Amino acid sequence: MQADMKFNQCVQQQALENSDNKVWKWHIQDPASQRLTWNKPPKSVLVIKKIQDASLLQPFKELCVFLTEQKNMIVYVESKVLADTAIAGDESFGAVIQKFCTFREDLDDISNRVDFIICLGGDGTLLYASSLFQESVPPVMAFHLGSLGFLTPFKFDTYQSQVTQIIEGNTAIILRSRLRVRVVKESREKGIIMTNGDSEGSRKSMQYQVLNEVVVDRGPSSYLSNVDLFLDGHLITTVQGDGVIVSTPTGSTAYAVAAGASMIHPNVPAIMITPICPHSLSFRPIVVPAGVELKIMLSRDARNTAWVSFDGRKRQEICHGDSITITTSCFPVPSICFRDPVNDWFESLSQCLHWNVRKKQNYLSSEEEEF
């Protein structure tokens, strides 16, 4: 990836000498100042489309023809995309297919081969694109061809001019933070938890990069979920309810907002903790600094196991002795903006979630005021 993303720290402190006193100044970064520029013109692009969606076949073909024949780009697609008979069986598209470079999810690493990504679909397509890269993510251009489209600001009607602008560079970009999640599971033999130490032979560790949220819930059990929540090694509370959501600012407008959380702009460095149907009237959602480490474990007296999912995928059971450690990832998702980070976000709030949409109050005339 040959992108040079230039941005400042969100908050920068400066100590200046003023007589014997130190004066501290804070510099708050303007979100619109984040720009994407290329060190050299991009040559390769990954095109991701929603699988088995007939409505995306024609846009996918048009885009690939444009990229390969007019822009001379190297196009990467997933192998399972070409398994679709509507694509593989199209003889008029055969010459383009021959130029494709293919890869397989979880098997082939293309992180150093792709300059940027184009997503065709909805928000789930962007989440899936994020999951393909466990470290550095190329800039992502997302077209709104799905249902909600909160994270997909581009319309496909003018894709040629928009893609050309991205290739030429100097476009607005927003760095969407991700969560680095480490799940450690104790080895179990005949139903007995092996707790004899930290040896590699007794534990299984898995890592995930999460763009929206980590959800821990009670699964199929009818009992309350009962999990302990630690922050930087200290027990801060025990969640008793249907579960808990740990989300990024990007994920604050997904499952978290449906559970009563506030909506946070993606430029805010934070992690959100939102209970799901807590059995306590005082358990409200909270926001913690992005630099903390969270840890979730089953409470000692929990009646049942819990289940965890990562951006709605990789769902698995969490038992006694297992742990989920969550920190802010060092590898954000550079999401290309249609206009700029602020305007795009408020446009999505208005168009997708109908934020503060209300019939306006009628004007009151002077005669009516007298009554």
Protein backbone atom coordinates (compact mmCIF):
# COMPACT_ATOMS: atom_id res chain seq x y z
CA MET A 1 0.00 0.00 0.00
CA GLN A 2 1.49 3.30 -1.09
CA ALA A 3 -0.82 5.68 0.75
CA ASP A 4 0.63 8.45 2.85
CA MET A 5 -2.01 9.46 5.40
CA LYS A 6 -1.02 12.72 7.05
CA PHE A 7 -2.77 13.61 10.28
CA ASN A 8 -2.01 15.19 13.63
CA GLN A 9 -2.73 13.88 17.10
CA CYS A 10 -6.28 14.63 18.25
CA VAL A 11 -5.04 16.47 21.31
CA GLN A 12 -1.52 17.82 21.63
CA GLN A 13 -0.10 19.50 24.72
CA GLN A 14 2.61 22.13 24.69
CA ALA A 15 4.45 23.45 27.69
CA LEU A 16 5.57 27.02 27.33
CA GLU A 17 7.71 29.00 29.72
CA ASN A 18 5.94 32.04 31.15
CA SER A 19 8.01 33.48 33.99
CA ASP A 20 8.12 30.76 36.61
CA ASN A 21 4.82 29.18 35.57
CA LYS A 22 4.15 26.65 32.83
CA VAL A 23 1.29 27.34 30.47
CA TRP A 24 -0.39 24.31 28.92
CA LYS A 25 -2.04 24.68 25.55
CA TRP A 26 -4.24 22.12 23.84
CA HIS A 27 -4.40 21.86 20.08
CA ILE A 28 -7.62 20.19 18.93
CA GLN A 29 -7.32 18.72 15.47
CA ASP A 30 -9.84 19.69 12.82
CA PRO A 31 -11.33 16.38 11.53
CA ALA A 32 -11.59 17.86 8.04
CA SER A 33 -7.80 18.27 7.91
CA GLN A 34 -7.20 14.55 7.44
CA ARG A 35 -6.34 13.94 3.79
CA LEU A 36 -5.27 10.96 1.71
CA THR A 37 -2.38 11.49 -0.69
CA TRP A 38 -0.43 8.96 -2.74
CA ASN A 39 3.37 8.73 -2.82
CA LYS A 40 2.92 7.26 -6.29
CA PRO A 41 -0.20 6.43 -8.31
CA PRO A 42 -2.07 3.34 -7.01
CA LYS A 43 -1.87 0.28 -9.24
CA SER A 44 -3.95 -2.36 -7.47
CA VAL A 45 -7.43 -2.40 -5.97
CA LEU A 46 -9.46 -4.96 -4.05
CA VAL A 47 -13.12 -5.09 -5.07
CA ILE A 48 -15.45 -6.63 -2.49
CA LYS A 49 -19.07 -7.33 -3.26
CA LYS A 50 -21.84 -8.86 -1.25
CA ILE A 51 -22.04 -12.56 -2.16
CA GLN A 52 -25.17 -13.97 -3.79
CA ASP A 53 -26.77 -10.58 -4.38
CA ALA A 54 -28.11 -10.43 -7.94
CA SER A 55 -28.62 -6.67 -7.78
CA LEU A 56 -24.85 -6.16 -7.50
CA LEU A 57 -23.85 -8.18 -10.55
CA GLN A 58 -24.16 -5.36 -13.07
CA PRO A 59 -22.44 -2.70 -10.89
CA PHE A 60 -19.65 -5.18 -10.15
CA LYS A 61 -19.08 -5.93 -13.83
CA GLU A 62 -19.21 -2.26 -14.86
CA LEU A 63 -16.73 -1.27 -12.15
CA CYS A 64 -14.28 -4.08 -12.99
CA VAL A 65 -14.36 -3.25 -16.69
CA PHE A 66 -13.70 0.39 -15.88
CA LEU A 67 -10.81 -0.41 -13.54
CA THR A 68 -9.07 -2.94 -15.80
CA GLU A 69 -9.64 -1.44 -19.25
CA GLN A 70 -9.73 2.32 -18.62
CA LYS A 71 -7.59 2.68 -15.52
CA ASN A 72 -5.23 -0.28 -16.15
CA MET A 73 -5.56 -1.36 -12.53
CA ILE A 74 -4.74 -4.78 -11.11
CA VAL A 75 -8.03 -5.99 -9.63
CA TYR A 76 -8.19 -8.45 -6.71
CA VAL A 77 -11.39 -10.36 -5.97
CA GLU A 78 -12.26 -13.24 -3.70
CA SER A 79 -12.28 -16.71 -5.20
CA LYS A 80 -15.85 -17.30 -4.01
CA VAL A 81 -17.04 -14.27 -5.99
CA LEU A 82 -16.01 -16.00 -9.22
CA ALA A 83 -17.84 -19.14 -8.08
CA ASP A 84 -21.09 -17.34 -8.87
CA THR A 85 -22.36 -18.82 -12.13
CA ALA A 86 -23.83 -15.47 -13.14
CA ILE A 87 -20.27 -14.13 -13.28
CA ALA A 88 -18.24 -17.17 -14.31
CA GLY A 89 -20.78 -18.10 -16.99
CA ASP A 90 -20.89 -14.66 -18.61
CA GLU A 91 -18.85 -15.05 -21.81
CA SER A 92 -18.81 -11.29 -22.46
CA PHE A 93 -17.12 -10.83 -19.08
CA GLY A 94 -14.60 -13.63 -19.60
CA ALA A 95 -11.77 -11.42 -20.84
CA VAL A 96 -11.98 -9.31 -17.66
CA ILE A 97 -12.07 -12.40 -15.42
CA GLN A 98 -8.79 -13.56 -16.92
CA LYS A 99 -7.13 -10.40 -15.59
CA PHE A 100 -8.34 -10.87 -12.02
CA CYS A 101 -6.06 -11.81 -9.14
CA THR A 102 -7.90 -13.98 -6.64
CA PHE A 103 -7.47 -14.79 -2.96
CA ARG A 104 -9.17 -16.85 -0.24
CA GLU A 105 -10.36 -15.52 3.10
CA ASP A 106 -8.18 -16.57 6.09
CA LEU A 107 -5.74 -18.33 3.75
CA ASP A 108 -4.07 -15.72 1.53
CA ASP A 109 -2.43 -12.53 2.80
CA ILE A 110 -2.88 -9.63 0.38
CA SER A 111 -2.21 -6.78 2.82
CA ASN A 112 0.95 -5.70 0.97
CA ARG A 113 -0.47 -6.15 -2.52
CA VAL A 114 -3.50 -3.85 -2.45
CA ASP A 115 -3.36 -0.04 -2.66
CA PHE A 116 -7.02 0.61 -1.84
CA ILE A 117 -10.37 -1.16 -1.48
CA ILE A 118 -13.75 -0.62 -3.13
CA CYS A 119 -16.81 -2.09 -1.38
CA LEU A 120 -20.10 -2.74 -3.16
CA GLY A 121 -22.92 -3.41 -0.72
CA GLY A 122 -24.01 -2.18 2.69
CA ASP A 123 -22.37 -1.59 6.03
CA GLY A 124 -21.79 -5.33 6.47
CA THR A 125 -19.59 -5.35 3.38
CA LEU A 126 -17.31 -2.73 4.93
CA LEU A 127 -17.18 -4.71 8.19
CA TYR A 128 -16.21 -7.78 6.22
CA ALA A 129 -13.48 -5.85 4.39
CA SER A 130 -12.07 -4.78 7.75
CA SER A 131 -11.97 -8.39 8.97
CA LEU A 132 -9.74 -9.40 6.04
CA PHE A 133 -6.87 -7.28 7.38
CA GLN A 134 -5.55 -8.07 10.84
CA GLU A 135 -2.92 -5.34 10.66
CA SER A 136 -2.64 -2.34 8.30
CA VAL A 137 -5.77 -1.70 6.23
CA PRO A 138 -5.69 0.02 2.80
CA PRO A 139 -7.98 3.04 2.32
CA VAL A 140 -11.59 1.97 1.76
CA MET A 141 -14.08 3.50 -0.66
CA ALA A 142 -17.60 2.22 0.11
CA PHE A 143 -20.53 2.48 -2.32
CA HIS A 144 -24.06 2.46 -0.93
CA LEU A 145 -25.67 -0.56 -2.58
CA GLY A 146 -27.15 -2.20 0.52
CA SER A 147 -29.98 -1.49 2.93
CA LEU A 148 -28.84 0.98 5.62
CA GLY A 149 -25.64 2.53 4.28
CA PHE A 150 -24.48 4.45 7.35
CA LEU A 151 -20.83 3.68 6.57
CA THR A 152 -21.14 3.82 2.77
CA PRO A 153 -21.28 7.47 1.64
CA PHE A 154 -20.74 7.05 -2.12
CA LYS A 155 -23.53 6.68 -4.71
CA PHE A 156 -22.79 4.38 -7.62
CA ASP A 157 -24.43 6.59 -10.26
CA THR A 158 -21.25 8.64 -10.72
CA TYR A 159 -18.70 5.97 -9.83
CA GLN A 160 -16.33 6.76 -12.71
CA SER A 161 -15.64 10.35 -11.66
CA GLN A 162 -15.50 9.41 -7.97
CA VAL A 163 -13.04 6.53 -8.46
CA THR A 164 -10.93 8.74 -10.73
CA GLN A 165 -10.77 11.37 -8.00
CA ILE A 166 -9.59 8.75 -5.47
CA ILE A 167 -6.89 7.49 -7.84
CA GLU A 168 -5.67 11.05 -8.37
CA GLY A 169 -5.50 11.51 -4.59
CA ASN A 170 -5.97 14.40 -2.18
CA THR A 171 -9.32 13.31 -0.77
CA ALA A 172 -10.76 13.59 2.73
CA ILE A 173 -10.34 10.55 4.94
CA ILE A 174 -11.43 9.43 8.39
CA LEU A 175 -9.49 6.96 10.51
CA ARG A 176 -12.03 4.62 12.09
CA SER A 177 -10.53 3.04 15.20
CA ARG A 178 -10.78 -0.72 15.69
CA LEU A 179 -10.64 -2.94 18.76
CA ARG A 180 -7.91 -5.52 19.19
CA VAL A 181 -9.53 -8.49 20.90
CA ARG A 182 -7.68 -11.43 22.40
CA VAL A 183 -9.70 -14.46 23.48
CA VAL A 184 -7.92 -16.95 25.73
CA LYS A 185 -9.63 -20.29 26.35
CA GLU A 186 -8.64 -22.87 28.91
CA SER A 187 -8.13 -26.41 27.65
CA ARG A 188 -10.85 -28.78 28.72
CA GLU A 189 -10.70 -32.53 29.05
CA LYS A 190 -13.81 -34.55 29.85
CA GLY A 191 -15.58 -31.43 31.10
CA ILE A 192 -12.77 -30.46 33.51
CA ILE A 193 -11.10 -27.08 33.13
CA MET A 194 -7.33 -27.35 32.99
CA THR A 195 -6.13 -24.49 35.18
CA ASN A 196 -2.56 -25.62 35.71
CA GLY A 197 -0.73 -22.52 34.61
CA ASP A 198 -0.01 -20.38 31.60
CA SER A 199 1.75 -23.00 29.51
CA GLU A 200 0.98 -22.87 25.81
CA GLY A 201 -0.22 -26.46 25.97
CA SER A 202 -3.12 -25.66 28.30
CA ARG A 203 -4.51 -22.57 26.62
CA LYS A 204 -5.78 -21.54 23.21
CA SER A 205 -5.44 -17.91 22.17
CA MET A 206 -7.18 -16.14 19.26
CA GLN A 207 -6.99 -12.51 18.11
CA TYR A 208 -9.47 -10.40 16.16
CA GLN A 209 -9.64 -6.87 14.78
CA VAL A 210 -13.12 -5.43 15.31
CA LEU A 211 -14.54 -2.31 13.66
CA ASN A 212 -17.99 -2.05 15.26
CA GLU A 213 -18.38 -4.00 18.48
CA VAL A 214 -17.70 -7.00 20.65
CA VAL A 215 -20.93 -8.46 22.01
CA VAL A 216 -21.02 -10.79 25.02
CA ASP A 217 -24.49 -12.24 25.64
CA ARG A 218 -26.27 -15.09 27.42
CA GLY A 219 -26.76 -17.09 24.25
CA PRO A 220 -29.53 -19.73 24.30
CA SER A 221 -29.71 -19.82 28.11
CA SER A 222 -32.76 -18.44 29.92
CA TYR A 223 -30.58 -17.29 32.86
CA LEU A 224 -29.12 -13.82 33.21
CA SER A 225 -25.65 -13.28 31.81
CA ASN A 226 -23.25 -12.83 34.72
CA VAL A 227 -19.82 -11.54 33.67
CA ASP A 228 -17.12 -9.54 35.44
CA LEU A 229 -15.76 -6.43 33.73
CA PHE A 230 -12.19 -5.31 34.49
CA LEU A 231 -10.54 -2.02 33.47
CA ASP A 232 -6.74 -1.94 33.58
CA GLY A 233 -6.77 -4.92 35.91
CA HIS A 234 -9.37 -3.56 38.36
CA LEU A 235 -12.86 -5.03 38.68
CA ILE A 236 -15.25 -2.16 37.93
CA THR A 237 -18.58 -4.00 37.81
CA THR A 238 -20.41 -7.25 37.24
CA VAL A 239 -22.83 -7.26 34.33
CA GLN A 240 -26.11 -8.98 35.14
CA GLY A 241 -28.53 -8.90 32.25
CA ASP A 242 -28.72 -10.08 28.66
CA GLY A 243 -25.09 -9.08 28.06
CA VAL A 244 -22.74 -6.21 27.31
CA ILE A 245 -21.55 -4.38 24.19
CA VAL A 246 -18.01 -2.99 23.90
CA SER A 247 -17.91 -0.75 20.85
CA THR A 248 -15.82 1.74 18.95
CA PRO A 249 -17.16 5.22 18.13
CA THR A 250 -17.99 3.83 14.68
CA GLY A 251 -19.98 1.05 16.36
CA SER A 252 -21.83 3.52 18.59
CA THR A 253 -24.43 3.96 15.85
CA ALA A 254 -24.95 0.20 15.44
CA TYR A 255 -26.06 -2.29 18.15
CA ALA A 256 -24.99 0.11 20.92
CA VAL A 257 -27.42 2.88 19.98
CA ALA A 258 -30.23 0.33 19.85
CA ALA A 259 -29.31 -0.59 23.44
CA GLY A 260 -29.51 3.04 24.59
CA ALA A 261 -25.97 4.33 24.09
CA SER A 262 -24.99 7.77 22.84
CA MET A 263 -23.74 8.28 19.30
CA ILE A 264 -20.07 9.27 19.15
CA HIS A 265 -18.24 10.73 16.17
CA PRO A 266 -15.54 8.34 14.86
CA ASN A 267 -12.80 10.93 15.44
CA VAL A 268 -13.34 10.78 19.21
CA PRO A 269 -10.75 8.44 20.82
CA ALA A 270 -12.93 6.33 23.08
CA ILE A 271 -14.39 2.91 23.88
CA MET A 272 -18.07 2.52 24.76
CA ILE A 273 -19.45 0.03 27.29
CA THR A 274 -23.17 -0.56 26.94
CA PRO A 275 -25.19 -3.11 28.94
CA ILE A 276 -27.90 -5.10 27.16
CA CYS A 277 -31.12 -5.12 29.20
CA PRO A 278 -29.34 -4.83 32.57
CA HIS A 279 -31.26 -6.00 35.66
CA SER A 280 -30.48 -2.67 37.33
CA LEU A 281 -32.10 0.72 36.80
CA SER A 282 -28.80 2.52 37.48
CA PHE A 283 -26.59 0.68 34.97
CA ARG A 284 -26.15 3.25 32.22
CA PRO A 285 -23.80 3.15 29.21
CA ILE A 286 -20.37 4.67 29.83
CA VAL A 287 -17.50 5.98 27.70
CA VAL A 288 -13.88 5.25 28.68
CA PRO A 289 -10.57 6.49 27.18
CA ALA A 290 -9.29 4.67 24.12
CA GLY A 291 -6.04 3.75 25.86
CA VAL A 292 -7.48 1.47 28.55
CA GLU A 293 -7.47 -2.33 28.60
CA LEU A 294 -10.78 -4.07 29.25
CA LYS A 295 -11.13 -7.67 30.30
CA ILE A 296 -14.33 -9.73 30.45
CA MET A 297 -14.67 -13.05 32.25
CA LEU A 298 -17.51 -15.21 33.51
CA SER A 299 -18.28 -14.49 37.15
CA ARG A 300 -17.36 -17.24 39.57
CA ASP A 301 -21.02 -17.78 40.49
CA ALA A 302 -22.42 -17.53 36.94
CA ARG A 303 -25.12 -20.13 36.33
CA ASN A 304 -24.41 -20.53 32.65
CA THR A 305 -21.81 -19.84 29.98
CA ALA A 306 -21.74 -16.75 27.75
CA TRP A 307 -21.34 -16.24 24.02
CA VAL A 308 -19.23 -13.67 22.20
CA SER A 309 -19.25 -12.35 18.63
CA PHE A 310 -17.07 -9.87 16.77
CA ASP A 311 -18.85 -7.55 14.35
CA GLY A 312 -21.56 -10.21 14.24
CA ARG A 313 -19.17 -12.99 13.16
CA LYS A 314 -16.97 -15.73 14.64
CA ARG A 315 -19.55 -16.44 17.38
CA GLN A 316 -18.25 -18.75 20.11
CA GLU A 317 -18.93 -19.91 23.63
CA ILE A 318 -17.13 -18.48 26.67
CA CYS A 319 -16.79 -20.76 29.70
CA HIS A 320 -15.36 -20.46 33.21
CA GLY A 321 -11.64 -19.68 33.03
CA ASP A 322 -11.84 -18.07 29.58
CA SER A 323 -11.10 -14.38 29.12
CA ILE A 324 -11.72 -11.64 26.55
CA THR A 325 -9.17 -8.79 26.52
CA ILE A 326 -10.06 -5.65 24.56
CA THR A 327 -7.86 -2.67 23.70
CA THR A 328 -7.85 -0.04 20.97
CA SER A 329 -6.04 -1.37 17.93
CA CYS A 330 -3.01 0.31 16.39
CA PHE A 331 -4.49 -0.40 12.94
CA PRO A 332 -7.53 1.77 12.12
CA VAL A 333 -9.64 1.58 8.97
CA PRO A 334 -8.91 4.57 6.69
CA SER A 335 -12.37 5.30 5.31
CA ILE A 336 -12.54 7.65 2.32
CA CYS A 337 -15.09 10.44 2.74
CA PHE A 338 -17.56 11.73 0.19
CA ARG A 339 -17.15 15.30 1.49
CA ASP A 340 -15.47 15.37 4.90
CA PRO A 341 -15.71 13.43 8.21
CA VAL A 342 -18.12 15.84 9.91
CA ASN A 343 -20.58 16.43 7.07
CA ASP A 344 -20.63 12.75 6.08
CA TRP A 345 -21.43 11.70 9.65
CA PHE A 346 -24.31 14.12 10.14
CA GLU A 347 -25.64 13.25 6.68
CA SER A 348 -25.72 9.58 7.72
CA LEU A 349 -27.45 10.44 11.01
CA SER A 350 -30.13 12.33 9.13
CA GLN A 351 -30.62 10.03 6.14
CA CYS A 352 -30.16 6.62 7.77
CA LEU A 353 -31.29 7.06 11.37
CA HIS A 354 -33.60 10.08 10.85
CA TRP A 355 -31.91 11.81 13.77
CA ASN A 356 -34.11 14.55 15.28
CA VAL A 357 -36.62 14.36 12.45
CA ARG A 358 -39.84 16.02 13.58
CA LYS A 359 -42.66 18.00 12.04
CA LYS A 360 -41.86 21.65 12.70
CA GLN A 361 -44.05 23.71 15.00
CA ASN A 362 -46.26 26.22 13.20
CA TYR A 363 -45.53 29.93 13.42
CA LEU A 364 -47.64 31.79 15.96
CA SER A 365 -49.07 35.07 14.67
CA SER A 366 -49.35 38.19 16.85
CA GLU A 367 -53.14 37.84 16.98
CA GLU A 368 -52.85 34.25 18.26
CA GLU A 369 -50.30 35.28 20.92
CA GLU A 370 -52.93 37.48 22.57
CA PHE A 371 -54.97 34.41 23.42
